[in-house]
Amino acid sequence: MEGSDYRLKLPQELSYIHDTFHVSNLKKCLAKPDVQVPLKEIEIDENLRFVEEPIEIVERDVKNLKRRRIPLVKVYWNSRQGAEYTWEREDQFWKKYRHLFSKPVPSSSVATSALRTRLF
């Protein structure tokens, strides 16, 4: 092991994960140091990344560019670091998470609802 490599002491249930990583892979974590998430609650994908799922759409808006209007949705995610919101393209998000569009959502733009009716 080189000086900038670290080896993790992993529990048996995580033995399938490579236990050595380079310091360049570290990311700043703003979580409380005494908070631990039970392994049963963590869902990871095939690339060993935490799977975040959207909880709900909390707002809609339309981004006006020169000749285009892009409908957006503000999404609340199940982030392990607390409440997390992101703006996503409505058309792309709708393809993957249709079930979240069943409830009415406040718009920050009146044009959004008319545009949504035309698109879907």
PDB file of N, CA and C in Angstrom:
ATOM      1  N   MET A   1       0.823  -1.178   0.000  1.00  0.00           N
ATOM      2  CA  MET A   1       0.000   0.000   0.000  1.00  0.00           C
ATOM      3  C   MET A   1       0.872   1.250   0.000  1.00  0.00           C
ATOM      4  N   GLU A   2       0.516   2.226  -0.820  1.00  0.00           N
ATOM      5  CA  GLU A   2       1.248   3.480  -0.852  1.00  0.00           C
ATOM      6  C   GLU A   2       0.776   4.388   0.271  1.00  0.00           C
ATOM      7  N   GLY A   3       1.457   5.506   0.502  1.00  0.00           N
ATOM      8  CA  GLY A   3       1.122   6.435   1.569  1.00  0.00           C
ATOM      9  C   GLY A   3      -0.235   7.106   1.410  1.00  0.00           C
ATOM     10  N   SER A   4      -0.748   7.202   0.203  1.00  0.00           N
ATOM     11  CA  SER A   4      -2.034   7.869   0.002  1.00  0.00           C
ATOM     12  C   SER A   4      -3.166   6.868  -0.202  1.00  0.00           C
ATOM     13  N   ASP A   5      -2.939   5.598   0.122  1.00  0.00           N
ATOM     14  CA  ASP A   5      -3.975   4.571   0.058  1.00  0.00           C
ATOM     15  C   ASP A   5      -4.454   4.252   1.471  1.00  0.00           C
ATOM     16  N   TYR A   6      -5.716   3.884   1.564  1.00  0.00           N
ATOM     17  CA  TYR A   6      -6.297   3.524   2.857  1.00  0.00           C
ATOM     18  C   TYR A   6      -6.977   2.168   2.753  1.00  0.00           C
ATOM     19  N   ARG A   7      -6.909   1.415   3.833  1.00  0.00           N
ATOM     20  CA  ARG A   7      -7.589   0.123   3.892  1.00  0.00           C
ATOM     21  C   ARG A   7      -8.680   0.236   4.960  1.00  0.00           C
ATOM     22  N   LEU A   8      -9.885  -0.151   4.572  1.00  0.00           N
ATOM     23  CA  LEU A   8     -11.020  -0.100   5.488  1.00  0.00           C
ATOM     24  C   LEU A   8     -11.167  -1.415   6.240  1.00  0.00           C
ATOM     25  N   LYS A   9     -11.588  -1.323   7.471  1.00  0.00           N
ATOM     26  CA  LYS A   9     -11.928  -2.514   8.231  1.00  0.00           C
ATOM     27  C   LYS A   9     -13.447  -2.667   8.098  1.00  0.00           C
ATOM     28  N   LEU A  10     -13.867  -3.561   7.205  1.00  0.00           N
ATOM     29  CA  LEU A  10     -15.281  -3.721   6.882  1.00  0.00           C
ATOM     30  C   LEU A  10     -15.902  -4.880   7.647  1.00  0.00           C
ATOM     31  N   PRO A  11     -17.196  -4.759   7.976  1.00  0.00           N
ATOM     32  CA  PRO A  11     -17.881  -5.900   8.594  1.00  0.00           C
ATOM     33  C   PRO A  11     -18.023  -7.044   7.588  1.00  0.00           C
ATOM     34  N   GLN A  12     -18.254  -8.226   8.077  1.00  0.00           N
ATOM     35  CA  GLN A  12     -18.346  -9.428   7.237  1.00  0.00           C
ATOM     36  C   GLN A  12     -19.372  -9.271   6.113  1.00  0.00           C
ATOM     37  N   GLU A  13     -20.518  -8.636   6.398  1.00  0.00           N
ATOM     38  CA  GLU A  13     -21.562  -8.506   5.367  1.00  0.00           C
ATOM     39  C   GLU A  13     -21.157  -7.605   4.203  1.00  0.00           C
ATOM     40  N   LEU A  14     -20.049  -6.881   4.345  1.00  0.00           N
ATOM     41  CA  LEU A  14     -19.540  -6.054   3.243  1.00  0.00           C
ATOM     42  C   LEU A  14     -18.233  -6.611   2.687  1.00  0.00           C
ATOM     43  N   SER A  15     -17.955  -7.869   2.900  1.00  0.00           N
ATOM     44  CA  SER A  15     -16.693  -8.466   2.467  1.00  0.00           C
ATOM     45  C   SER A  15     -16.533  -8.490   0.946  1.00  0.00           C
ATOM     46  N   TYR A  16     -17.617  -8.336   0.212  1.00  0.00           N
ATOM     47  CA  TYR A  16     -17.536  -8.324  -1.251  1.00  0.00           C
ATOM     48  C   TYR A  16     -17.032  -6.987  -1.804  1.00  0.00           C
ATOM     49  N   ILE A  17     -16.884  -5.989  -0.948  1.00  0.00           N
ATOM     50  CA  ILE A  17     -16.408  -4.671  -1.370  1.00  0.00           C
ATOM     51  C   ILE A  17     -14.892  -4.618  -1.223  1.00  0.00           C
ATOM     52  N   HIS A  18     -14.212  -4.091  -2.226  1.00  0.00           N
ATOM     53  CA  HIS A  18     -12.756  -3.932  -2.176  1.00  0.00           C
ATOM     54  C   HIS A  18     -12.421  -3.002  -1.019  1.00  0.00           C
ATOM     55  N   ASP A  19     -11.522  -3.392  -0.148  1.00  0.00           N
ATOM     56  CA  ASP A  19     -11.292  -2.652   1.094  1.00  0.00           C
ATOM     57  C   ASP A  19     -10.194  -1.595   1.023  1.00  0.00           C
ATOM     58  N   THR A  20      -9.567  -1.400  -0.120  1.00  0.00           N
ATOM     59  CA  THR A  20      -8.499  -0.414  -0.249  1.00  0.00           C
ATOM     60  C   THR A  20      -8.923   0.677  -1.233  1.00  0.00           C
ATOM     61  N   PHE A  21      -8.703   1.929  -0.859  1.00  0.00           N
ATOM     62  CA  PHE A  21      -9.037   3.027  -1.756  1.00  0.00           C
ATOM     63  C   PHE A  21      -7.982   4.121  -1.669  1.00  0.00           C
ATOM     64  N   HIS A  22      -7.936   4.947  -2.683  1.00  0.00           N
ATOM     65  CA  HIS A  22      -6.971   6.036  -2.765  1.00  0.00           C
ATOM     66  C   HIS A  22      -7.590   7.289  -2.151  1.00  0.00           C
ATOM     67  N   VAL A  23      -6.777   8.100  -1.536  1.00  0.00           N
ATOM     68  CA  VAL A  23      -7.240   9.314  -0.869  1.00  0.00           C
ATOM     69  C   VAL A  23      -7.982  10.251  -1.844  1.00  0.00           C
ATOM     70  N   SER A  24      -7.678  10.191  -3.121  1.00  0.00           N
ATOM     71  CA  SER A  24      -8.358  11.049  -4.103  1.00  0.00           C
ATOM     72  C   SER A  24      -9.837  10.690  -4.252  1.00  0.00           C
ATOM     73  N   ASN A  25     -10.235   9.502  -3.759  1.00  0.00           N
ATOM     74  CA  ASN A  25     -11.639   9.099  -3.829  1.00  0.00           C
ATOM     75  C   ASN A  25     -12.485   9.654  -2.688  1.00  0.00           C
ATOM     76  N   LEU A  26     -11.857  10.306  -1.725  1.00  0.00           N
ATOM     77  CA  LEU A  26     -12.598  10.856  -0.594  1.00  0.00           C
ATOM     78  C   LEU A  26     -13.411  12.068  -1.022  1.00  0.00           C
ATOM     79  N   LYS A  27     -14.597  12.192  -0.433  1.00  0.00           N
ATOM     80  CA  LYS A  27     -15.449  13.354  -0.677  1.00  0.00           C
ATOM     81  C   LYS A  27     -15.829  13.939   0.674  1.00  0.00           C
ATOM     82  N   LYS A  28     -15.998  15.237   0.724  1.00  0.00           N
ATOM     83  CA  LYS A  28     -16.355  15.898   1.965  1.00  0.00           C
ATOM     84  C   LYS A  28     -17.735  15.428   2.420  1.00  0.00           C
ATOM     85  N   CYS A  29     -17.857  15.111   3.676  1.00  0.00           N
ATOM     86  CA  CYS A  29     -19.128  14.654   4.248  1.00  0.00           C
ATOM     87  C   CYS A  29     -19.527  15.616   5.353  1.00  0.00           C
ATOM     88  N   LEU A  30     -20.720  16.177   5.246  1.00  0.00           N
ATOM     89  CA  LEU A  30     -21.189  17.131   6.242  1.00  0.00           C
ATOM     90  C   LEU A  30     -22.159  16.489   7.234  1.00  0.00           C
ATOM     91  N   ALA A  31     -22.198  15.184   7.278  1.00  0.00           N
ATOM     92  CA  ALA A  31     -23.091  14.479   8.200  1.00  0.00           C
ATOM     93  C   ALA A  31     -22.581  14.621   9.627  1.00  0.00           C
ATOM     94  N   LYS A  32     -23.483  14.426  10.572  1.00  0.00           N
ATOM     95  CA  LYS A  32     -23.093  14.462  11.981  1.00  0.00           C
ATOM     96  C   LYS A  32     -22.214  13.245  12.266  1.00  0.00           C
ATOM     97  N   PRO A  33     -21.096  13.430  12.963  1.00  0.00           N
ATOM     98  CA  PRO A  33     -20.154  12.321  13.167  1.00  0.00           C
ATOM     99  C   PRO A  33     -20.720  11.146  13.962  1.00  0.00           C
ATOM    100  N   ASP A  34     -21.702  11.386  14.829  1.00  0.00           N
ATOM    101  CA  ASP A  34     -22.227  10.299  15.649  1.00  0.00           C
ATOM    102  C   ASP A  34     -23.407   9.565  15.002  1.00  0.00           C
ATOM    103  N   VAL A  35     -23.765   9.937  13.781  1.00  0.00           N
ATOM    104  CA  VAL A  35     -24.894   9.300  13.090  1.00  0.00           C
ATOM    105  C   VAL A  35     -24.390   8.089  12.317  1.00  0.00           C
ATOM    106  N   GLN A  36     -25.024   6.958  12.536  1.00  0.00           N
ATOM    107  CA  GLN A  36     -24.702   5.753  11.786  1.00  0.00           C
ATOM    108  C   GLN A  36     -25.976   5.231  11.152  1.00  0.00           C
ATOM    109  N   VAL A  37     -25.889   4.864   9.882  1.00  0.00           N
ATOM    110  CA  VAL A  37     -27.033   4.323   9.160  1.00  0.00           C
ATOM    111  C   VAL A  37     -26.927   2.805   9.172  1.00  0.00           C
ATOM    112  N   PRO A  38     -27.974   2.106   9.634  1.00  0.00           N
ATOM    113  CA  PRO A  38     -27.926   0.639   9.624  1.00  0.00           C
ATOM    114  C   PRO A  38     -27.762   0.102   8.203  1.00  0.00           C
ATOM    115  N   LEU A  39     -26.925  -0.913   8.038  1.00  0.00           N
ATOM    116  CA  LEU A  39     -26.654  -1.462   6.712  1.00  0.00           C
ATOM    117  C   LEU A  39     -27.918  -1.950   6.014  1.00  0.00           C
ATOM    118  N   LYS A  40     -28.894  -2.429   6.776  1.00  0.00           N
ATOM    119  CA  LYS A  40     -30.135  -2.928   6.173  1.00  0.00           C
ATOM    120  C   LYS A  40     -30.893  -1.839   5.434  1.00  0.00           C
ATOM    121  N   GLU A  41     -30.696  -0.588   5.835  1.00  0.00           N
ATOM    122  CA  GLU A  41     -31.421   0.525   5.227  1.00  0.00           C
ATOM    123  C   GLU A  41     -30.719   1.091   3.995  1.00  0.00           C
ATOM    124  N   ILE A  42     -29.509   0.646   3.719  1.00  0.00           N
ATOM    125  CA  ILE A  42     -28.746   1.186   2.596  1.00  0.00           C
ATOM    126  C   ILE A  42     -28.935   0.298   1.376  1.00  0.00           C
ATOM    127  N   GLU A  43     -29.359   0.924   0.285  1.00  0.00           N
ATOM    128  CA  GLU A  43     -29.490   0.204  -0.979  1.00  0.00           C
ATOM    129  C   GLU A  43     -28.403   0.717  -1.910  1.00  0.00           C
ATOM    130  N   ILE A  44     -27.594  -0.208  -2.455  1.00  0.00           N
ATOM    131  CA  ILE A  44     -26.527   0.201  -3.364  1.00  0.00           C
ATOM    132  C   ILE A  44     -26.709  -0.507  -4.698  1.00  0.00           C
ATOM    133  N   ASP A  45     -26.239   0.143  -5.759  1.00  0.00           N
ATOM    134  CA  ASP A  45     -26.367  -0.441  -7.089  1.00  0.00           C
ATOM    135  C   ASP A  45     -25.145  -1.306  -7.416  1.00  0.00           C
ATOM    136  N   GLU A  46     -25.080  -1.791  -8.650  1.00  0.00           N
ATOM    137  CA  GLU A  46     -23.988  -2.686  -9.050  1.00  0.00           C
ATOM    138  C   GLU A  46     -22.621  -2.003  -9.046  1.00  0.00           C
ATOM    139  N   ASN A  47     -22.590  -0.656  -9.064  1.00  0.00           N
ATOM    140  CA  ASN A  47     -21.331   0.095  -8.995  1.00  0.00           C
ATOM    141  C   ASN A  47     -21.020   0.532  -7.569  1.00  0.00           C
ATOM    142  N   LEU A  48     -21.750  -0.043  -6.599  1.00  0.00           N
ATOM    143  CA  LEU A  48     -21.576   0.249  -5.176  1.00  0.00           C
ATOM    144  C   LEU A  48     -21.838   1.708  -4.838  1.00  0.00           C
ATOM    145  N   ARG A  49     -22.821   2.303  -5.504  1.00  0.00           N
ATOM    146  CA  ARG A  49     -23.247   3.662  -5.191  1.00  0.00           C
ATOM    147  C   ARG A  49     -24.585   3.609  -4.470  1.00  0.00           C
ATOM    148  N   PHE A  50     -24.774   4.503  -3.529  1.00  0.00           N
ATOM    149  CA  PHE A  50     -26.023   4.600  -2.798  1.00  0.00           C
ATOM    150  C   PHE A  50     -27.155   4.938  -3.761  1.00  0.00           C
ATOM    151  N   VAL A  51     -28.250   4.199  -3.685  1.00  0.00           N
ATOM    152  CA  VAL A  51     -29.395   4.423  -4.565  1.00  0.00           C
ATOM    153  C   VAL A  51     -30.339   5.401  -3.886  1.00  0.00           C
ATOM    154  N   GLU A  52     -30.443   6.579  -4.446  1.00  0.00           N
ATOM    155  CA  GLU A  52     -31.380   7.576  -3.937  1.00  0.00           C
ATOM    156  C   GLU A  52     -32.641   7.513  -4.788  1.00  0.00           C
ATOM    157  N   GLU A  53     -33.773   7.537  -4.124  1.00  0.00           N
ATOM    158  CA  GLU A  53     -35.055   7.510  -4.815  1.00  0.00           C
ATOM    159  C   GLU A  53     -35.792   8.813  -4.567  1.00  0.00           C
ATOM    160  N   PRO A  54     -36.527   9.292  -5.562  1.00  0.00           N
ATOM    161  CA  PRO A  54     -37.311  10.501  -5.347  1.00  0.00           C
ATOM    162  C   PRO A  54     -38.519  10.200  -4.463  1.00  0.00           C
ATOM    163  N   ILE A  55     -38.829  11.114  -3.559  1.00  0.00           N
ATOM    164  CA  ILE A  55     -39.967  10.967  -2.666  1.00  0.00           C
ATOM    165  C   ILE A  55     -41.196  11.636  -3.263  1.00  0.00           C
ATOM    166  N   GLU A  56     -41.016  12.875  -3.722  1.00  0.00           N
ATOM    167  CA  GLU A  56     -42.145  13.590  -4.313  1.00  0.00           C
ATOM    168  C   GLU A  56     -41.668  14.769  -5.145  1.00  0.00           C
ATOM    169  N   ILE A  57     -42.555  15.229  -6.005  1.00  0.00           N
ATOM    170  CA  ILE A  57     -42.326  16.446  -6.776  1.00  0.00           C
ATOM    171  C   ILE A  57     -42.966  17.567  -5.981  1.00  0.00           C
ATOM    172  N   VAL A  58     -42.183  18.593  -5.663  1.00  0.00           N
ATOM    173  CA  VAL A  58     -42.688  19.647  -4.798  1.00  0.00           C
ATOM    174  C   VAL A  58     -43.014  20.945  -5.526  1.00  0.00           C
ATOM    175  N   GLU A  59     -42.525  21.077  -6.761  1.00  0.00           N
ATOM    176  CA  GLU A  59     -42.759  22.319  -7.489  1.00  0.00           C
ATOM    177  C   GLU A  59     -42.496  22.107  -8.970  1.00  0.00           C
ATOM    178  N   ARG A  60     -43.109  22.943  -9.785  1.00  0.00           N
ATOM    179  CA  ARG A  60     -42.874  22.929 -11.239  1.00  0.00           C
ATOM    180  C   ARG A  60     -42.465  24.320 -11.685  1.00  0.00           C
ATOM    181  N   ASP A  61     -41.726  24.362 -12.777  1.00  0.00           N
ATOM    182  CA  ASP A  61     -41.330  25.636 -13.361  1.00  0.00           C
ATOM    183  C   ASP A  61     -41.007  25.407 -14.828  1.00  0.00           C
ATOM    184  N   VAL A  62     -40.847  26.498 -15.572  1.00  0.00           N
ATOM    185  CA  VAL A  62     -40.463  26.418 -16.979  1.00  0.00           C
ATOM    186  C   VAL A  62     -39.257  27.319 -17.184  1.00  0.00           C
ATOM    187  N   LYS A  63     -38.200  26.745 -17.747  1.00  0.00           N
ATOM    188  CA  LYS A  63     -36.992  27.507 -18.084  1.00  0.00           C
ATOM    189  C   LYS A  63     -37.159  28.021 -19.506  1.00  0.00           C
ATOM    190  N   ASN A  64     -37.124  29.335 -19.681  1.00  0.00           N
ATOM    191  CA  ASN A  64     -37.274  29.937 -21.000  1.00  0.00           C
ATOM    192  C   ASN A  64     -35.908  30.244 -21.590  1.00  0.00           C
ATOM    193  N   LEU A  65     -35.607  29.582 -22.697  1.00  0.00           N
ATOM    194  CA  LEU A  65     -34.394  29.871 -23.440  1.00  0.00           C
ATOM    195  C   LEU A  65     -34.794  30.694 -24.665  1.00  0.00           C
ATOM    196  N   LYS A  66     -33.883  30.940 -25.570  1.00  0.00           N
ATOM    197  CA  LYS A  66     -34.202  31.781 -26.723  1.00  0.00           C
ATOM    198  C   LYS A  66     -35.430  31.304 -27.485  1.00  0.00           C
ATOM    199  N   ARG A  67     -35.431  30.060 -27.918  1.00  0.00           N
ATOM    200  CA  ARG A  67     -36.554  29.545 -28.712  1.00  0.00           C
ATOM    201  C   ARG A  67     -37.176  28.297 -28.113  1.00  0.00           C
ATOM    202  N   ARG A  68     -36.786  28.000 -26.893  1.00  0.00           N
ATOM    203  CA  ARG A  68     -37.282  26.765 -26.265  1.00  0.00           C
ATOM    204  C   ARG A  68     -37.812  27.055 -24.870  1.00  0.00           C
ATOM    205  N   ARG A  69     -38.752  26.235 -24.464  1.00  0.00           N
ATOM    206  CA  ARG A  69     -39.270  26.257 -23.097  1.00  0.00           C
ATOM    207  C   ARG A  69     -39.050  24.864 -22.539  1.00  0.00           C
ATOM    208  N   ILE A  70     -38.364  24.778 -21.440  1.00  0.00           N
ATOM    209  CA  ILE A  70     -38.042  23.484 -20.843  1.00  0.00           C
ATOM    210  C   ILE A  70     -38.779  23.350 -19.511  1.00  0.00           C
ATOM    211  N   PRO A  71     -39.774  22.452 -19.453  1.00  0.00           N
ATOM    212  CA  PRO A  71     -40.477  22.227 -18.189  1.00  0.00           C
ATOM    213  C   PRO A  71     -39.569  21.506 -17.189  1.00  0.00           C
ATOM    214  N   LEU A  72     -39.566  21.996 -15.952  1.00  0.00           N
ATOM    215  CA  LEU A  72     -38.743  21.430 -14.897  1.00  0.00           C
ATOM    216  C   LEU A  72     -39.605  21.037 -13.701  1.00  0.00           C
ATOM    217  N   VAL A  73     -39.124  20.084 -12.922  1.00  0.00           N
ATOM    218  CA  VAL A  73     -39.769  19.723 -11.662  1.00  0.00           C
ATOM    219  C   VAL A  73     -38.720  19.758 -10.558  1.00  0.00           C
ATOM    220  N   LYS A  74     -39.125  20.265  -9.391  1.00  0.00           N
ATOM    221  CA  LYS A  74     -38.247  20.259  -8.223  1.00  0.00           C
ATOM    222  C   LYS A  74     -38.583  18.998  -7.440  1.00  0.00           C
ATOM    223  N   VAL A  75     -37.566  18.156  -7.221  1.00  0.00           N
ATOM    224  CA  VAL A  75     -37.768  16.829  -6.650  1.00  0.00           C
ATOM    225  C   VAL A  75     -37.143  16.746  -5.265  1.00  0.00           C
ATOM    226  N   TYR A  76     -37.896  16.137  -4.334  1.00  0.00           N
ATOM    227  CA  TYR A  76     -37.398  15.854  -2.987  1.00  0.00           C
ATOM    228  C   TYR A  76     -36.904  14.420  -2.981  1.00  0.00           C
ATOM    229  N   TRP A  77     -35.625  14.204  -2.591  1.00  0.00           N
ATOM    230  CA  TRP A  77     -34.976  12.887  -2.624  1.00  0.00           C
ATOM    231  C   TRP A  77     -34.784  12.335  -1.226  1.00  0.00           C
ATOM    232  N   ASN A  78     -34.613  11.024  -1.125  1.00  0.00           N
ATOM    233  CA  ASN A  78     -34.361  10.337   0.146  1.00  0.00           C
ATOM    234  C   ASN A  78     -32.876  10.327   0.497  1.00  0.00           C
ATOM    235  N   SER A  79     -32.246  11.446   0.434  1.00  0.00           N
ATOM    236  CA  SER A  79     -30.810  11.530   0.674  1.00  0.00           C
ATOM    237  C   SER A  79     -30.462  11.160   2.108  1.00  0.00           C
ATOM    238  N   ARG A  80     -29.359  10.464   2.296  1.00  0.00           N
ATOM    239  CA  ARG A  80     -28.887  10.079   3.631  1.00  0.00           C
ATOM    240  C   ARG A  80     -28.273  11.267   4.368  1.00  0.00           C
ATOM    241  N   GLN A  81     -28.079  12.368   3.674  1.00  0.00           N
ATOM    242  CA  GLN A  81     -27.466  13.536   4.304  1.00  0.00           C
ATOM    243  C   GLN A  81     -28.512  14.585   4.648  1.00  0.00           C
ATOM    244  N   GLY A  82     -29.760  14.195   4.745  1.00  0.00           N
ATOM    245  CA  GLY A  82     -30.834  15.130   5.069  1.00  0.00           C
ATOM    246  C   GLY A  82     -31.634  15.462   3.829  1.00  0.00           C
ATOM    247  N   ALA A  83     -32.522  16.439   3.967  1.00  0.00           N
ATOM    248  CA  ALA A  83     -33.386  16.832   2.851  1.00  0.00           C
ATOM    249  C   ALA A  83     -32.549  17.318   1.682  1.00  0.00           C
ATOM    250  N   GLU A  84     -32.850  16.792   0.511  1.00  0.00           N
ATOM    251  CA  GLU A  84     -32.135  17.203  -0.693  1.00  0.00           C
ATOM    252  C   GLU A  84     -33.145  17.431  -1.804  1.00  0.00           C
ATOM    253  N   TYR A  85     -33.013  18.565  -2.478  1.00  0.00           N
ATOM    254  CA  TYR A  85     -33.904  18.923  -3.572  1.00  0.00           C
ATOM    255  C   TYR A  85     -33.076  19.204  -4.813  1.00  0.00           C
ATOM    256  N   THR A  86     -33.561  18.763  -5.969  1.00  0.00           N
ATOM    257  CA  THR A  86     -32.900  19.084  -7.233  1.00  0.00           C
ATOM    258  C   THR A  86     -33.946  19.440  -8.269  1.00  0.00           C
ATOM    259  N   TRP A  87     -33.554  20.231  -9.240  1.00  0.00           N
ATOM    260  CA  TRP A  87     -34.417  20.530 -10.381  1.00  0.00           C
ATOM    261  C   TRP A  87     -34.062  19.553 -11.496  1.00  0.00           C
ATOM    262  N   GLU A  88     -35.084  18.910 -12.067  1.00  0.00           N
ATOM    263  CA  GLU A  88     -34.899  17.917 -13.120  1.00  0.00           C
ATOM    264  C   GLU A  88     -35.770  18.281 -14.313  1.00  0.00           C
ATOM    265  N   ARG A  89     -35.339  17.874 -15.504  1.00  0.00           N
ATOM    266  CA  ARG A  89     -36.184  18.063 -16.691  1.00  0.00           C
ATOM    267  C   ARG A  89     -37.430  17.194 -16.545  1.00  0.00           C
ATOM    268  N   GLU A  90     -38.581  17.806 -16.697  1.00  0.00           N
ATOM    269  CA  GLU A  90     -39.834  17.093 -16.473  1.00  0.00           C
ATOM    270  C   GLU A  90     -40.021  15.916 -17.412  1.00  0.00           C
ATOM    271  N   ASP A  91     -39.714  16.087 -18.694  1.00  0.00           N
ATOM    272  CA  ASP A  91     -39.937  15.005 -19.656  1.00  0.00           C
ATOM    273  C   ASP A  91     -39.082  13.773 -19.333  1.00  0.00           C
ATOM    274  N   GLN A  92     -37.817  13.986 -18.962  1.00  0.00           N
ATOM    275  CA  GLN A  92     -36.945  12.864 -18.631  1.00  0.00           C
ATOM    276  C   GLN A  92     -37.326  12.222 -17.300  1.00  0.00           C
ATOM    277  N   PHE A  93     -37.695  13.042 -16.346  1.00  0.00           N
ATOM    278  CA  PHE A  93     -38.070  12.527 -15.035  1.00  0.00           C
ATOM    279  C   PHE A  93     -39.385  11.748 -15.117  1.00  0.00           C
ATOM    280  N   TRP A  94     -40.299  12.208 -15.928  1.00  0.00           N
ATOM    281  CA  TRP A  94     -41.603  11.555 -16.108  1.00  0.00           C
ATOM    282  C   TRP A  94     -41.441  10.140 -16.662  1.00  0.00           C
ATOM    283  N   LYS A  95     -40.499   9.944 -17.565  1.00  0.00           N
ATOM    284  CA  LYS A  95     -40.270   8.615 -18.145  1.00  0.00           C
ATOM    285  C   LYS A  95     -39.875   7.590 -17.090  1.00  0.00           C
ATOM    286  N   LYS A  96     -39.113   8.009 -16.105  1.00  0.00           N
ATOM    287  CA  LYS A  96     -38.597   7.079 -15.109  1.00  0.00           C
ATOM    288  C   LYS A  96     -39.474   6.979 -13.853  1.00  0.00           C
ATOM    289  N   TYR A  97     -40.151   8.074 -13.506  1.00  0.00           N
ATOM    290  CA  TYR A  97     -40.902   8.119 -12.251  1.00  0.00           C
ATOM    291  C   TYR A  97     -42.334   8.622 -12.467  1.00  0.00           C
ATOM    292  N   ARG A  98     -43.076   8.006 -13.352  1.00  0.00           N
ATOM    293  CA  ARG A  98     -44.444   8.437 -13.670  1.00  0.00           C
ATOM    294  C   ARG A  98     -45.350   8.489 -12.450  1.00  0.00           C
ATOM    295  N   HIS A  99     -45.143   7.561 -11.530  1.00  0.00           N
ATOM    296  CA  HIS A  99     -46.016   7.479 -10.358  1.00  0.00           C
ATOM    297  C   HIS A  99     -46.008   8.757  -9.518  1.00  0.00           C
ATOM    298  N   LEU A 100     -44.954   9.568  -9.616  1.00  0.00           N
ATOM    299  CA  LEU A 100     -44.883  10.806  -8.843  1.00  0.00           C
ATOM    300  C   LEU A 100     -45.710  11.933  -9.447  1.00  0.00           C
ATOM    301  N   PHE A 101     -46.238  11.733 -10.640  1.00  0.00           N
ATOM    302  CA  PHE A 101     -47.002  12.773 -11.314  1.00  0.00           C
ATOM    303  C   PHE A 101     -48.503  12.647 -11.068  1.00  0.00           C
ATOM    304  N   SER A 102     -48.909  11.744 -10.203  1.00  0.00           N
ATOM    305  CA  SER A 102     -50.336  11.533  -9.971  1.00  0.00           C
ATOM    306  C   SER A 102     -50.960  12.604  -9.079  1.00  0.00           C
ATOM    307  N   LYS A 103     -50.143  13.267  -8.241  1.00  0.00           N
ATOM    308  CA  LYS A 103     -50.664  14.308  -7.355  1.00  0.00           C
ATOM    309  C   LYS A 103     -50.438  15.682  -7.968  1.00  0.00           C
ATOM    310  N   PRO A 104     -51.378  16.628  -7.724  1.00  0.00           N
ATOM    311  CA  PRO A 104     -51.164  18.000  -8.207  1.00  0.00           C
ATOM    312  C   PRO A 104     -49.984  18.649  -7.476  1.00  0.00           C
ATOM    313  N   VAL A 105     -49.222  19.435  -8.211  1.00  0.00           N
ATOM    314  CA  VAL A 105     -48.021  20.074  -7.666  1.00  0.00           C
ATOM    315  C   VAL A 105     -48.090  21.564  -7.950  1.00  0.00           C
ATOM    316  N   PRO A 106     -47.746  22.400  -6.967  1.00  0.00           N
ATOM    317  CA  PRO A 106     -47.752  23.845  -7.209  1.00  0.00           C
ATOM    318  C   PRO A 106     -46.759  24.231  -8.305  1.00  0.00           C
ATOM    319  N   SER A 107     -47.161  25.203  -9.097  1.00  0.00           N
ATOM    320  CA  SER A 107     -46.287  25.706 -10.156  1.00  0.00           C
ATOM    321  C   SER A 107     -45.777  27.075  -9.783  1.00  0.00           C
ATOM    322  N   SER A 108     -44.551  27.339 -10.145  1.00  0.00           N
ATOM    323  CA  SER A 108     -44.026  28.685  -9.967  1.00  0.00           C
ATOM    324  C   SER A 108     -44.244  29.485 -11.240  1.00  0.00           C
ATOM    325  N   SER A 109     -44.902  28.854 -12.221  1.00  0.00           N
ATOM    326  CA  SER A 109     -45.200  29.511 -13.480  1.00  0.00           C
ATOM    327  C   SER A 109     -46.551  29.023 -13.993  1.00  0.00           C
ATOM    328  N   VAL A 110     -47.423  29.932 -14.391  1.00  0.00           N
ATOM    329  CA  VAL A 110     -48.742  29.565 -14.897  1.00  0.00           C
ATOM    330  C   VAL A 110     -48.631  28.786 -16.197  1.00  0.00           C
ATOM    331  N   ALA A 111     -47.608  29.069 -16.975  1.00  0.00           N
ATOM    332  CA  ALA A 111     -47.447  28.410 -18.270  1.00  0.00           C
ATOM    333  C   ALA A 111     -47.140  26.920 -18.135  1.00  0.00           C
ATOM    334  N   THR A 112     -46.654  26.491 -16.996  1.00  0.00           N
ATOM    335  CA  THR A 112     -46.260  25.097 -16.826  1.00  0.00           C
ATOM    336  C   THR A 112     -47.421  24.142 -17.011  1.00  0.00           C
ATOM    337  N   SER A 113     -48.560  24.436 -16.399  1.00  0.00           N
ATOM    338  CA  SER A 113     -49.681  23.498 -16.490  1.00  0.00           C
ATOM    339  C   SER A 113     -50.192  23.387 -17.918  1.00  0.00           C
ATOM    340  N   ALA A 114     -50.228  24.484 -18.659  1.00  0.00           N
ATOM    341  CA  ALA A 114     -50.658  24.425 -20.054  1.00  0.00           C
ATOM    342  C   ALA A 114     -49.665  23.630 -20.888  1.00  0.00           C
ATOM    343  N   LEU A 115     -48.391  23.820 -20.633  1.00  0.00           N
ATOM    344  CA  LEU A 115     -47.366  23.099 -21.365  1.00  0.00           C
ATOM    345  C   LEU A 115     -47.417  21.610 -21.026  1.00  0.00           C
ATOM    346  N   ARG A 116     -47.634  21.288 -19.757  1.00  0.00           N
ATOM    347  CA  ARG A 116     -47.720  19.880 -19.345  1.00  0.00           C
ATOM    348  C   ARG A 116     -48.885  19.188 -20.038  1.00  0.00           C
ATOM    349  N   THR A 117     -50.018  19.859 -20.169  1.00  0.00           N
ATOM    350  CA  THR A 117     -51.182  19.286 -20.833  1.00  0.00           C
ATOM    351  C   THR A 117     -50.864  18.944 -22.278  1.00  0.00           C
ATOM    352  N   ARG A 118     -50.123  19.799 -22.945  1.00  0.00           N
ATOM    353  CA  ARG A 118     -49.766  19.539 -24.342  1.00  0.00           C
ATOM    354  C   ARG A 118     -48.772  18.396 -24.473  1.00  0.00           C
ATOM    355  N   LEU A 119     -47.815  18.308 -23.532  1.00  0.00           N
ATOM    356  CA  LEU A 119     -46.781  17.285 -23.631  1.00  0.00           C
ATOM    357  C   LEU A 119     -47.279  15.892 -23.293  1.00  0.00           C
ATOM    358  N   PHE A 120     -48.158  15.775 -22.316  1.00  0.00           N
ATOM    359  CA  PHE A 120     -48.551  14.464 -21.829  1.00  0.00           C
ATOM    360  C   PHE A 120     -50.040  14.321 -21.975  1.00  0.00           C
TER     361      PHE A 120
END
